[in-house]
Amino acid sequence: MSRIRFALPGSWARIPLASEAEALRAVRKLTEQVTGRKEELATLRAELRGRFTRVVEAAREGGADELYIGLELVPGIPLPAWAAVFPADPGQVDLSAVGFPELARGLDFVVGAPPEGGTSETSDDPRARVHAVRHAWRRTTEVAADDVERTFELVEADYWVAAAEPNRLALITFSTALAEYEEEMLELFDAVIGTLRWPVPDEALTAG
């Protein structure tokens, strides 16, 4: 599958997921970048490393091939968010016999309804021949800090993305701890998906 390209606002770190060792090295480097190496920040550094590592482990276990961790929206304004790209096997969904007009309808049918309490939106970019379905919802997570369990509310948005000629399918998942700004964060994620470009694989060009 060719690499999906999109523009992320502000500052984000890309974590390689090809191997666990490479991913953990990137996490260690990222935490040092965020906190520096001051001894008085060792506890914070360890906490951040633990959080980032859990995100990396979940992404790798889920089959993601790309992971991005948000750092700042603009200088001085933190952006607690992450995005993961999960390729999907088009063989699992019968898309091979349809053109782009029917690809959109097929994806809508396959993705189905959003999780309970969630919302669903669709968008098309005929020029890029990309169709997307967004499911968004809230969930809570437990985070341990200083031996105290704290509950945080997260906003998550799954974008099922389909492209035509040839037909391709992927899932891009965004998560953020800025649940109180749900509407604004979903607008931000929508804007990112609006920049998405999915080049035709080289083998498809050769075959054509």
N, C-alpha and C. Protein backbone atom coordinates (compact mmCIF):
# COMPACT_ATOMS: atom_id res chain seq x y z
N MET A 1 0.85 -1.20 0.00
CA MET A 1 0.00 0.00 0.00
C MET A 1 0.87 1.23 0.00
N SER A 2 0.55 2.20 -0.85
CA SER A 2 1.30 3.44 -0.86
C SER A 2 1.00 4.22 0.42
N ARG A 3 1.92 5.06 0.80
CA ARG A 3 1.78 5.80 2.05
C ARG A 3 0.74 6.92 1.93
N ILE A 4 -0.17 6.96 2.89
CA ILE A 4 -1.14 8.05 2.96
C ILE A 4 -0.43 9.30 3.44
N ARG A 5 -0.71 10.42 2.79
CA ARG A 5 -0.07 11.68 3.16
C ARG A 5 -1.11 12.67 3.62
N PHE A 6 -0.80 13.37 4.71
CA PHE A 6 -1.69 14.42 5.20
C PHE A 6 -0.86 15.41 6.00
N ALA A 7 -1.40 16.62 6.14
CA ALA A 7 -0.69 17.69 6.85
C ALA A 7 -1.21 17.79 8.27
N LEU A 8 -0.30 17.76 9.24
CA LEU A 8 -0.66 17.89 10.65
C LEU A 8 -0.31 19.29 11.14
N PRO A 9 -1.24 19.98 11.79
CA PRO A 9 -0.97 21.35 12.24
C PRO A 9 -0.07 21.38 13.46
N GLY A 10 0.78 22.37 13.56
CA GLY A 10 1.64 22.50 14.73
C GLY A 10 2.80 21.54 14.69
N SER A 11 3.17 21.03 15.87
CA SER A 11 4.33 20.17 16.00
C SER A 11 3.90 18.77 16.45
N TRP A 12 4.29 17.75 15.66
CA TRP A 12 3.99 16.36 15.96
C TRP A 12 5.27 15.54 15.83
N ALA A 13 5.36 14.46 16.60
CA ALA A 13 6.48 13.53 16.49
C ALA A 13 6.00 12.27 15.80
N ARG A 14 6.77 11.80 14.83
CA ARG A 14 6.45 10.55 14.14
C ARG A 14 7.22 9.42 14.82
N ILE A 15 6.49 8.38 15.23
CA ILE A 15 7.08 7.23 15.90
C ILE A 15 7.11 6.05 14.92
N PRO A 16 8.29 5.54 14.57
CA PRO A 16 8.34 4.37 13.68
C PRO A 16 7.84 3.14 14.40
N LEU A 17 7.09 2.30 13.69
CA LEU A 17 6.47 1.14 14.33
C LEU A 17 6.97 -0.19 13.77
N ALA A 18 7.95 -0.14 12.88
CA ALA A 18 8.41 -1.37 12.24
C ALA A 18 8.93 -2.38 13.25
N SER A 19 9.60 -1.89 14.30
CA SER A 19 10.10 -2.80 15.33
C SER A 19 9.88 -2.17 16.69
N GLU A 20 9.73 -3.02 17.72
CA GLU A 20 9.51 -2.53 19.07
C GLU A 20 10.71 -1.73 19.57
N ALA A 21 11.90 -2.22 19.28
CA ALA A 21 13.11 -1.55 19.75
C ALA A 21 13.22 -0.15 19.15
N GLU A 22 12.94 -0.03 17.86
CA GLU A 22 13.01 1.28 17.20
C GLU A 22 11.97 2.23 17.77
N ALA A 23 10.77 1.71 18.02
CA ALA A 23 9.70 2.54 18.57
C ALA A 23 10.06 3.04 19.96
N LEU A 24 10.62 2.17 20.81
CA LEU A 24 10.98 2.57 22.17
C LEU A 24 12.13 3.57 22.17
N ARG A 25 13.06 3.44 21.25
CA ARG A 25 14.14 4.43 21.14
C ARG A 25 13.56 5.79 20.78
N ALA A 26 12.59 5.80 19.87
CA ALA A 26 11.96 7.06 19.47
C ALA A 26 11.20 7.68 20.64
N VAL A 27 10.54 6.85 21.45
CA VAL A 27 9.82 7.34 22.63
C VAL A 27 10.79 7.96 23.62
N ARG A 28 11.90 7.29 23.87
CA ARG A 28 12.90 7.82 24.81
C ARG A 28 13.44 9.16 24.31
N LYS A 29 13.72 9.23 23.03
CA LYS A 29 14.23 10.48 22.45
C LYS A 29 13.18 11.59 22.56
N LEU A 30 11.92 11.23 22.35
CA LEU A 30 10.84 12.22 22.41
C LEU A 30 10.68 12.77 23.81
N THR A 31 10.71 11.91 24.82
CA THR A 31 10.54 12.38 26.20
C THR A 31 11.69 13.29 26.61
N GLU A 32 12.89 12.99 26.14
CA GLU A 32 14.02 13.87 26.44
C GLU A 32 13.88 15.21 25.73
N GLN A 33 13.30 15.16 24.53
CA GLN A 33 13.08 16.40 23.78
C GLN A 33 12.06 17.28 24.50
N VAL A 34 11.03 16.65 25.05
CA VAL A 34 9.96 17.39 25.71
C VAL A 34 10.39 17.95 27.06
N THR A 35 11.14 17.17 27.84
CA THR A 35 11.46 17.56 29.21
C THR A 35 12.92 17.96 29.41
N GLY A 36 13.77 17.68 28.42
CA GLY A 36 15.19 17.89 28.64
C GLY A 36 15.74 16.78 29.51
N ARG A 37 16.95 16.95 30.01
CA ARG A 37 17.56 15.90 30.83
C ARG A 37 17.79 16.34 32.27
N LYS A 38 17.07 17.36 32.70
CA LYS A 38 17.24 17.84 34.06
C LYS A 38 16.79 16.78 35.06
N GLU A 39 17.59 16.61 36.11
CA GLU A 39 17.31 15.58 37.10
C GLU A 39 15.97 15.80 37.79
N GLU A 40 15.61 17.07 38.03
CA GLU A 40 14.37 17.34 38.74
C GLU A 40 13.13 16.98 37.90
N LEU A 41 13.32 16.72 36.62
CA LEU A 41 12.20 16.34 35.75
C LEU A 41 12.19 14.84 35.47
N ALA A 42 12.98 14.08 36.22
CA ALA A 42 13.08 12.64 35.98
C ALA A 42 11.73 11.94 36.15
N THR A 43 10.96 12.34 37.19
CA THR A 43 9.65 11.72 37.42
C THR A 43 8.70 12.01 36.28
N LEU A 44 8.66 13.27 35.84
CA LEU A 44 7.81 13.63 34.72
C LEU A 44 8.23 12.88 33.46
N ARG A 45 9.53 12.78 33.26
CA ARG A 45 10.06 12.09 32.07
C ARG A 45 9.60 10.62 32.08
N ALA A 46 9.69 9.98 33.24
CA ALA A 46 9.27 8.58 33.34
C ALA A 46 7.77 8.43 33.10
N GLU A 47 6.99 9.37 33.62
CA GLU A 47 5.54 9.33 33.43
C GLU A 47 5.17 9.47 31.95
N LEU A 48 5.81 10.44 31.29
CA LEU A 48 5.54 10.64 29.87
C LEU A 48 5.98 9.43 29.05
N ARG A 49 7.14 8.88 29.40
CA ARG A 49 7.63 7.71 28.67
C ARG A 49 6.64 6.55 28.81
N GLY A 50 6.07 6.39 30.02
CA GLY A 50 5.09 5.34 30.23
C GLY A 50 3.83 5.55 29.39
N ARG A 51 3.36 6.80 29.35
CA ARG A 51 2.15 7.10 28.56
C ARG A 51 2.40 6.87 27.08
N PHE A 52 3.52 7.40 26.56
CA PHE A 52 3.83 7.23 25.15
C PHE A 52 4.02 5.76 24.79
N THR A 53 4.65 5.02 25.70
CA THR A 53 4.88 3.60 25.44
C THR A 53 3.57 2.84 25.34
N ARG A 54 2.60 3.16 26.19
CA ARG A 54 1.30 2.49 26.12
C ARG A 54 0.60 2.79 24.80
N VAL A 55 0.71 4.02 24.33
CA VAL A 55 0.12 4.37 23.03
C VAL A 55 0.79 3.59 21.91
N VAL A 56 2.13 3.50 21.96
CA VAL A 56 2.88 2.77 20.94
C VAL A 56 2.48 1.29 20.95
N GLU A 57 2.41 0.69 22.12
CA GLU A 57 2.06 -0.72 22.22
C GLU A 57 0.67 -0.99 21.65
N ALA A 58 -0.27 -0.12 21.97
CA ALA A 58 -1.64 -0.29 21.46
C ALA A 58 -1.66 -0.17 19.94
N ALA A 59 -0.90 0.79 19.40
CA ALA A 59 -0.87 0.99 17.95
C ALA A 59 -0.25 -0.22 17.26
N ARG A 60 0.85 -0.73 17.79
CA ARG A 60 1.51 -1.89 17.18
C ARG A 60 0.64 -3.14 17.27
N GLU A 61 0.01 -3.34 18.42
CA GLU A 61 -0.86 -4.51 18.58
C GLU A 61 -2.05 -4.44 17.63
N GLY A 62 -2.52 -3.22 17.34
CA GLY A 62 -3.66 -3.06 16.44
C GLY A 62 -3.29 -3.14 14.97
N GLY A 63 -1.99 -3.20 14.67
CA GLY A 63 -1.56 -3.31 13.28
C GLY A 63 -1.29 -1.99 12.59
N ALA A 64 -1.13 -0.91 13.36
CA ALA A 64 -0.84 0.39 12.74
C ALA A 64 0.53 0.37 12.08
N ASP A 65 0.68 1.10 11.00
CA ASP A 65 2.00 1.21 10.39
C ASP A 65 2.58 2.61 10.51
N GLU A 66 1.78 3.55 11.04
CA GLU A 66 2.30 4.89 11.32
C GLU A 66 1.64 5.43 12.58
N LEU A 67 2.43 6.18 13.38
CA LEU A 67 1.91 6.79 14.61
C LEU A 67 2.51 8.18 14.76
N TYR A 68 1.65 9.14 15.09
CA TYR A 68 2.08 10.52 15.30
C TYR A 68 1.58 10.97 16.67
N ILE A 69 2.45 11.63 17.43
CA ILE A 69 2.08 12.14 18.75
C ILE A 69 2.14 13.66 18.73
N GLY A 70 1.03 14.31 19.09
CA GLY A 70 0.96 15.76 19.08
C GLY A 70 1.77 16.37 20.21
N LEU A 71 2.46 17.46 19.93
CA LEU A 71 3.27 18.15 20.93
C LEU A 71 2.72 19.55 21.20
N GLU A 72 2.67 20.37 20.16
CA GLU A 72 2.16 21.75 20.31
C GLU A 72 1.31 22.11 19.10
N LEU A 73 0.20 22.81 19.38
CA LEU A 73 -0.61 23.34 18.29
C LEU A 73 0.08 24.55 17.70
N VAL A 74 0.51 25.44 18.57
CA VAL A 74 1.40 26.56 18.23
C VAL A 74 2.38 26.65 19.40
N PRO A 75 3.52 27.32 19.24
CA PRO A 75 4.48 27.39 20.35
C PRO A 75 3.83 27.87 21.65
N GLY A 76 4.00 27.06 22.69
CA GLY A 76 3.47 27.42 23.99
C GLY A 76 2.10 26.86 24.30
N ILE A 77 1.42 26.29 23.30
CA ILE A 77 0.09 25.69 23.51
C ILE A 77 0.19 24.20 23.23
N PRO A 78 0.17 23.37 24.29
CA PRO A 78 0.34 21.92 24.11
C PRO A 78 -0.84 21.31 23.36
N LEU A 79 -0.56 20.21 22.68
CA LEU A 79 -1.59 19.50 21.92
C LEU A 79 -1.54 18.02 22.31
N PRO A 80 -2.27 17.63 23.39
CA PRO A 80 -2.27 16.23 23.81
C PRO A 80 -3.14 15.39 22.88
N ALA A 81 -2.54 14.90 21.82
CA ALA A 81 -3.29 14.13 20.82
C ALA A 81 -2.35 13.16 20.14
N TRP A 82 -2.92 12.16 19.49
CA TRP A 82 -2.12 11.26 18.68
C TRP A 82 -2.97 10.75 17.52
N ALA A 83 -2.29 10.29 16.49
CA ALA A 83 -2.96 9.79 15.29
C ALA A 83 -2.25 8.52 14.84
N ALA A 84 -3.02 7.51 14.45
CA ALA A 84 -2.45 6.25 13.98
C ALA A 84 -3.12 5.86 12.67
N VAL A 85 -2.31 5.29 11.77
CA VAL A 85 -2.81 4.85 10.46
C VAL A 85 -2.77 3.33 10.41
N PHE A 86 -3.93 2.73 10.15
CA PHE A 86 -4.05 1.28 10.08
C PHE A 86 -4.44 0.88 8.66
N PRO A 87 -3.57 0.21 7.92
CA PRO A 87 -3.96 -0.26 6.60
C PRO A 87 -4.97 -1.39 6.72
N ALA A 88 -5.88 -1.49 5.77
CA ALA A 88 -6.88 -2.55 5.77
C ALA A 88 -6.70 -3.40 4.52
N ASP A 89 -6.98 -4.66 4.66
CA ASP A 89 -6.88 -5.58 3.54
C ASP A 89 -8.14 -5.46 2.69
N PRO A 90 -8.01 -4.92 1.46
CA PRO A 90 -9.22 -4.76 0.64
C PRO A 90 -9.88 -6.09 0.32
N GLY A 91 -9.13 -7.19 0.48
CA GLY A 91 -9.72 -8.50 0.24
C GLY A 91 -10.78 -8.85 1.27
N GLN A 92 -10.73 -8.16 2.42
CA GLN A 92 -11.73 -8.42 3.45
C GLN A 92 -13.06 -7.75 3.11
N VAL A 93 -13.02 -6.81 2.20
CA VAL A 93 -14.23 -6.10 1.78
C VAL A 93 -14.29 -6.17 0.26
N ASP A 94 -15.41 -6.57 -0.28
CA ASP A 94 -15.52 -6.74 -1.73
C ASP A 94 -15.69 -5.39 -2.41
N LEU A 95 -14.55 -4.76 -2.69
CA LEU A 95 -14.57 -3.46 -3.35
C LEU A 95 -14.03 -3.54 -4.77
N SER A 96 -13.54 -4.69 -5.17
CA SER A 96 -12.81 -4.79 -6.43
C SER A 96 -13.69 -4.60 -7.65
N ALA A 97 -14.99 -4.83 -7.52
CA ALA A 97 -15.85 -4.80 -8.69
C ALA A 97 -16.58 -3.48 -8.88
N VAL A 98 -16.30 -2.49 -8.05
CA VAL A 98 -17.06 -1.24 -8.12
C VAL A 98 -16.16 -0.08 -8.48
N GLY A 99 -16.75 0.93 -9.10
CA GLY A 99 -16.04 2.16 -9.40
C GLY A 99 -16.20 3.13 -8.24
N PHE A 100 -15.67 4.36 -8.39
CA PHE A 100 -15.70 5.30 -7.26
C PHE A 100 -17.10 5.68 -6.81
N PRO A 101 -18.06 5.94 -7.72
CA PRO A 101 -19.39 6.30 -7.23
C PRO A 101 -19.98 5.23 -6.30
N GLU A 102 -19.73 3.95 -6.60
CA GLU A 102 -20.26 2.89 -5.75
C GLU A 102 -19.34 2.58 -4.58
N LEU A 103 -18.06 2.95 -4.69
CA LEU A 103 -17.12 2.72 -3.60
C LEU A 103 -17.58 3.45 -2.35
N ALA A 104 -18.04 4.68 -2.52
CA ALA A 104 -18.51 5.45 -1.37
C ALA A 104 -19.69 4.75 -0.70
N ARG A 105 -20.64 4.29 -1.50
CA ARG A 105 -21.80 3.61 -0.93
C ARG A 105 -21.37 2.31 -0.26
N GLY A 106 -20.44 1.60 -0.86
CA GLY A 106 -19.96 0.35 -0.28
C GLY A 106 -19.27 0.57 1.05
N LEU A 107 -18.46 1.61 1.15
CA LEU A 107 -17.77 1.89 2.41
C LEU A 107 -18.75 2.28 3.50
N ASP A 108 -19.74 3.11 3.15
CA ASP A 108 -20.76 3.50 4.13
C ASP A 108 -21.46 2.27 4.70
N PHE A 109 -21.74 1.29 3.80
CA PHE A 109 -22.44 0.08 4.25
C PHE A 109 -21.55 -0.77 5.15
N VAL A 110 -20.30 -0.94 4.76
CA VAL A 110 -19.38 -1.80 5.51
C VAL A 110 -19.08 -1.22 6.89
N VAL A 111 -18.85 0.09 6.97
CA VAL A 111 -18.49 0.72 8.24
C VAL A 111 -19.66 0.69 9.21
N GLY A 112 -20.86 0.88 8.69
CA GLY A 112 -22.05 0.78 9.53
C GLY A 112 -22.24 1.97 10.46
N ALA A 113 -22.96 1.72 11.54
CA ALA A 113 -23.32 2.78 12.49
C ALA A 113 -22.17 3.04 13.45
N PRO A 114 -22.09 4.26 13.99
CA PRO A 114 -21.04 4.57 14.97
C PRO A 114 -21.30 3.88 16.30
N PRO A 115 -20.30 3.84 17.18
CA PRO A 115 -20.53 3.25 18.52
C PRO A 115 -21.65 3.99 19.23
N GLU A 116 -22.25 3.34 20.20
CA GLU A 116 -23.36 3.93 20.95
C GLU A 116 -22.93 5.27 21.56
N GLY A 117 -23.71 6.29 21.31
CA GLY A 117 -23.39 7.61 21.82
C GLY A 117 -22.49 8.40 20.91
N GLY A 118 -22.05 7.79 19.80
CA GLY A 118 -21.15 8.48 18.89
C GLY A 118 -21.88 9.15 17.75
N THR A 119 -21.12 9.82 16.90
CA THR A 119 -21.69 10.51 15.74
C THR A 119 -20.99 10.02 14.48
N SER A 120 -21.62 10.25 13.33
CA SER A 120 -21.07 9.82 12.06
C SER A 120 -21.17 10.94 11.03
N GLU A 121 -20.11 11.12 10.26
CA GLU A 121 -20.09 12.10 9.17
C GLU A 121 -19.42 11.46 7.97
N THR A 122 -19.76 11.92 6.76
CA THR A 122 -19.10 11.44 5.55
C THR A 122 -18.58 12.62 4.75
N SER A 123 -17.54 12.38 3.97
CA SER A 123 -17.00 13.43 3.11
C SER A 123 -16.40 12.81 1.87
N ASP A 124 -16.40 13.57 0.78
CA ASP A 124 -15.85 13.12 -0.50
C ASP A 124 -14.88 14.15 -1.04
N ASP A 125 -13.85 13.67 -1.71
CA ASP A 125 -12.94 14.54 -2.46
C ASP A 125 -12.76 13.90 -3.84
N PRO A 126 -13.69 14.22 -4.79
CA PRO A 126 -13.62 13.59 -6.11
C PRO A 126 -12.29 13.81 -6.81
N ARG A 127 -11.66 14.96 -6.59
CA ARG A 127 -10.39 15.24 -7.27
C ARG A 127 -9.31 14.27 -6.82
N ALA A 128 -9.27 13.96 -5.52
CA ALA A 128 -8.29 13.02 -5.00
C ALA A 128 -8.83 11.59 -5.00
N ARG A 129 -10.10 11.44 -5.40
CA ARG A 129 -10.77 10.15 -5.43
C ARG A 129 -10.67 9.46 -4.08
N VAL A 130 -11.04 10.21 -3.05
CA VAL A 130 -11.02 9.70 -1.68
C VAL A 130 -12.38 9.93 -1.04
N HIS A 131 -12.87 8.92 -0.35
CA HIS A 131 -14.13 9.01 0.40
C HIS A 131 -13.83 8.65 1.84
N ALA A 132 -14.40 9.38 2.79
CA ALA A 132 -14.12 9.12 4.20
C ALA A 132 -15.41 9.09 5.01
N VAL A 133 -15.45 8.19 5.98
CA VAL A 133 -16.54 8.11 6.96
C VAL A 133 -15.92 8.32 8.33
N ARG A 134 -16.46 9.28 9.10
CA ARG A 134 -15.95 9.56 10.43
C ARG A 134 -16.92 9.09 11.50
N HIS A 135 -16.40 8.31 12.45
CA HIS A 135 -17.14 7.97 13.65
C HIS A 135 -16.42 8.60 14.83
N ALA A 136 -17.12 9.36 15.65
CA ALA A 136 -16.50 10.05 16.78
C ALA A 136 -17.29 9.75 18.05
N TRP A 137 -16.58 9.62 19.15
CA TRP A 137 -17.22 9.35 20.43
C TRP A 137 -16.26 9.70 21.57
N ARG A 138 -16.77 9.61 22.80
CA ARG A 138 -15.94 9.84 23.99
C ARG A 138 -15.74 8.54 24.74
N ARG A 139 -14.61 8.43 25.42
CA ARG A 139 -14.37 7.30 26.31
C ARG A 139 -13.52 7.77 27.47
N THR A 140 -13.48 7.00 28.53
CA THR A 140 -12.65 7.34 29.68
C THR A 140 -11.50 6.36 29.80
N THR A 141 -10.41 6.82 30.37
CA THR A 141 -9.24 5.97 30.58
C THR A 141 -8.63 6.27 31.94
N GLU A 142 -8.01 5.28 32.51
CA GLU A 142 -7.35 5.43 33.80
C GLU A 142 -5.85 5.61 33.59
N VAL A 143 -5.28 6.63 34.23
CA VAL A 143 -3.85 6.91 34.12
C VAL A 143 -3.27 7.00 35.52
N ALA A 144 -2.20 6.26 35.78
CA ALA A 144 -1.54 6.28 37.09
C ALA A 144 -0.45 7.34 37.10
N ALA A 145 -0.46 8.18 38.10
CA ALA A 145 0.57 9.21 38.27
C ALA A 145 0.82 9.40 39.76
N ASP A 146 2.09 9.26 40.17
CA ASP A 146 2.44 9.39 41.59
C ASP A 146 1.61 8.44 42.46
N ASP A 147 1.47 7.21 41.95
CA ASP A 147 0.73 6.16 42.66
C ASP A 147 -0.74 6.49 42.87
N VAL A 148 -1.26 7.41 42.07
CA VAL A 148 -2.68 7.78 42.15
C VAL A 148 -3.32 7.54 40.79
N GLU A 149 -4.46 6.82 40.78
CA GLU A 149 -5.19 6.59 39.55
C GLU A 149 -6.09 7.77 39.24
N ARG A 150 -5.93 8.33 38.07
CA ARG A 150 -6.78 9.44 37.65
C ARG A 150 -7.56 9.04 36.40
N THR A 151 -8.79 9.51 36.32
CA THR A 151 -9.64 9.21 35.18
C THR A 151 -9.67 10.41 34.24
N PHE A 152 -9.39 10.14 32.98
CA PHE A 152 -9.42 11.19 31.96
C PHE A 152 -10.45 10.83 30.90
N GLU A 153 -11.10 11.85 30.37
CA GLU A 153 -12.04 11.64 29.27
C GLU A 153 -11.34 11.99 27.97
N LEU A 154 -11.48 11.10 27.00
CA LEU A 154 -10.85 11.28 25.69
C LEU A 154 -11.91 11.41 24.61
N VAL A 155 -11.57 12.15 23.56
CA VAL A 155 -12.37 12.18 22.35
C VAL A 155 -11.62 11.38 21.30
N GLU A 156 -12.31 10.46 20.65
CA GLU A 156 -11.69 9.65 19.61
C GLU A 156 -12.48 9.82 18.31
N ALA A 157 -11.76 9.79 17.21
CA ALA A 157 -12.39 9.90 15.90
C ALA A 157 -11.73 8.90 14.96
N ASP A 158 -12.53 7.98 14.45
CA ASP A 158 -12.07 7.01 13.45
C ASP A 158 -12.50 7.50 12.08
N TYR A 159 -11.54 7.57 11.17
CA TYR A 159 -11.83 7.92 9.78
C TYR A 159 -11.56 6.71 8.91
N TRP A 160 -12.62 6.09 8.41
CA TRP A 160 -12.47 5.02 7.43
C TRP A 160 -12.34 5.68 6.07
N VAL A 161 -11.21 5.45 5.43
CA VAL A 161 -10.88 6.15 4.18
C VAL A 161 -10.78 5.14 3.04
N ALA A 162 -11.45 5.44 1.95
CA ALA A 162 -11.38 4.59 0.76
C ALA A 162 -10.93 5.43 -0.42
N ALA A 163 -10.05 4.87 -1.22
CA ALA A 163 -9.59 5.53 -2.45
C ALA A 163 -9.80 4.57 -3.62
N ALA A 164 -9.97 5.14 -4.80
CA ALA A 164 -10.29 4.34 -5.97
C ALA A 164 -9.14 4.31 -6.98
N GLU A 165 -9.23 3.31 -7.87
CA GLU A 165 -8.33 3.16 -9.03
C GLU A 165 -6.86 3.10 -8.62
N PRO A 166 -6.42 2.03 -7.97
CA PRO A 166 -7.21 0.88 -7.52
C PRO A 166 -7.88 1.15 -6.17
N ASN A 167 -8.84 0.32 -5.83
CA ASN A 167 -9.54 0.49 -4.56
C ASN A 167 -8.61 0.17 -3.39
N ARG A 168 -8.58 1.09 -2.41
CA ARG A 168 -7.76 0.92 -1.21
C ARG A 168 -8.56 1.35 0.01
N LEU A 169 -8.23 0.77 1.15
CA LEU A 169 -9.00 1.02 2.36
C LEU A 169 -8.04 1.15 3.54
N ALA A 170 -8.30 2.13 4.42
CA ALA A 170 -7.47 2.32 5.60
C ALA A 170 -8.30 2.97 6.70
N LEU A 171 -7.79 2.86 7.93
CA LEU A 171 -8.41 3.49 9.09
C LEU A 171 -7.40 4.45 9.70
N ILE A 172 -7.80 5.70 9.89
CA ILE A 172 -6.97 6.69 10.56
C ILE A 172 -7.69 7.08 11.84
N THR A 173 -7.05 6.85 12.98
CA THR A 173 -7.65 7.12 14.28
C THR A 173 -6.96 8.28 14.97
N PHE A 174 -7.75 9.25 15.41
CA PHE A 174 -7.26 10.38 16.19
C PHE A 174 -7.81 10.26 17.61
N SER A 175 -6.99 10.61 18.59
CA SER A 175 -7.43 10.67 19.99
C SER A 175 -6.88 11.93 20.62
N THR A 176 -7.65 12.52 21.54
CA THR A 176 -7.17 13.71 22.25
C THR A 176 -7.76 13.75 23.65
N ALA A 177 -6.97 14.29 24.57
CA ALA A 177 -7.45 14.47 25.94
C ALA A 177 -8.17 15.79 26.12
N LEU A 178 -8.29 16.58 25.06
CA LEU A 178 -8.98 17.87 25.15
C LEU A 178 -10.48 17.67 24.92
N ALA A 179 -11.09 16.84 25.76
CA ALA A 179 -12.49 16.50 25.58
C ALA A 179 -13.40 17.72 25.71
N GLU A 180 -13.00 18.70 26.51
CA GLU A 180 -13.85 19.89 26.69
C GLU A 180 -13.92 20.73 25.42
N TYR A 181 -13.00 20.46 24.48
CA TYR A 181 -12.99 21.16 23.19
C TYR A 181 -13.32 20.18 22.06
N GLU A 182 -14.28 19.30 22.33
CA GLU A 182 -14.59 18.24 21.36
C GLU A 182 -14.91 18.78 19.98
N GLU A 183 -15.79 19.77 19.90
CA GLU A 183 -16.20 20.30 18.60
C GLU A 183 -15.01 20.87 17.85
N GLU A 184 -14.18 21.64 18.55
CA GLU A 184 -13.02 22.26 17.89
C GLU A 184 -11.99 21.20 17.46
N MET A 185 -11.80 20.16 18.29
CA MET A 185 -10.83 19.12 17.94
C MET A 185 -11.32 18.30 16.75
N LEU A 186 -12.62 18.03 16.69
CA LEU A 186 -13.13 17.29 15.54
C LEU A 186 -13.01 18.12 14.26
N GLU A 187 -13.20 19.43 14.39
CA GLU A 187 -12.99 20.30 13.22
C GLU A 187 -11.53 20.26 12.79
N LEU A 188 -10.61 20.21 13.78
CA LEU A 188 -9.19 20.12 13.46
C LEU A 188 -8.88 18.81 12.76
N PHE A 189 -9.40 17.70 13.27
CA PHE A 189 -9.14 16.40 12.65
C PHE A 189 -9.76 16.34 11.25
N ASP A 190 -10.96 16.91 11.10
CA ASP A 190 -11.58 16.96 9.77
C ASP A 190 -10.69 17.72 8.78
N ALA A 191 -10.11 18.80 9.28
CA ALA A 191 -9.24 19.61 8.41
C ALA A 191 -8.01 18.81 7.99
N VAL A 192 -7.48 18.00 8.90
CA VAL A 192 -6.33 17.15 8.55
C VAL A 192 -6.73 16.17 7.46
N ILE A 193 -7.87 15.52 7.63
CA ILE A 193 -8.33 14.57 6.62
C ILE A 193 -8.58 15.28 5.29
N GLY A 194 -8.97 16.55 5.36
CA GLY A 194 -9.18 17.33 4.14
C GLY A 194 -7.91 17.54 3.33
N THR A 195 -6.75 17.39 3.98
CA THR A 195 -5.47 17.53 3.26
C THR A 195 -4.96 16.20 2.73
N LEU A 196 -5.70 15.12 2.99
CA LEU A 196 -5.22 13.77 2.68
C LEU A 196 -5.05 13.55 1.19
N ARG A 197 -3.91 12.94 0.86
CA ARG A 197 -3.65 12.49 -0.50
C ARG A 197 -3.13 11.07 -0.42
N TRP A 198 -3.61 10.22 -1.32
CA TRP A 198 -3.23 8.81 -1.30
C TRP A 198 -2.75 8.41 -2.69
N PRO A 199 -1.46 8.54 -2.94
CA PRO A 199 -0.93 8.25 -4.29
C PRO A 199 -1.21 6.82 -4.71
N VAL A 200 -1.39 6.65 -6.00
CA VAL A 200 -1.59 5.32 -6.56
C VAL A 200 -0.31 4.49 -6.38
N PRO A 201 -0.40 3.26 -5.91
CA PRO A 201 0.80 2.43 -5.74
C PRO A 201 1.58 2.28 -7.02
N ASP A 202 2.91 2.19 -6.92
CA ASP A 202 3.77 2.07 -8.08
C ASP A 202 3.40 0.86 -8.93
N GLU A 203 3.07 -0.26 -8.26
CA GLU A 203 2.76 -1.48 -9.01
C GLU A 203 1.50 -1.32 -9.85
N ALA A 204 0.56 -0.47 -9.37
CA ALA A 204 -0.64 -0.21 -10.13
C ALA A 204 -0.33 0.61 -11.37
N LEU A 205 0.57 1.58 -11.23
CA LEU A 205 0.98 2.38 -12.37
C LEU A 205 1.70 1.51 -13.41
N THR A 206 2.54 0.60 -12.93
CA THR A 206 3.27 -0.28 -13.84
C THR A 206 2.32 -1.20 -14.58
N ALA A 207 1.33 -1.71 -13.82
CA ALA A 207 0.36 -2.63 -14.43
C ALA A 207 -0.49 -1.92 -15.47
N GLY A 208 -0.75 -0.59 -15.20
CA GLY A 208 -1.56 0.16 -16.14
C GLY A 208 -0.83 0.47 -17.41
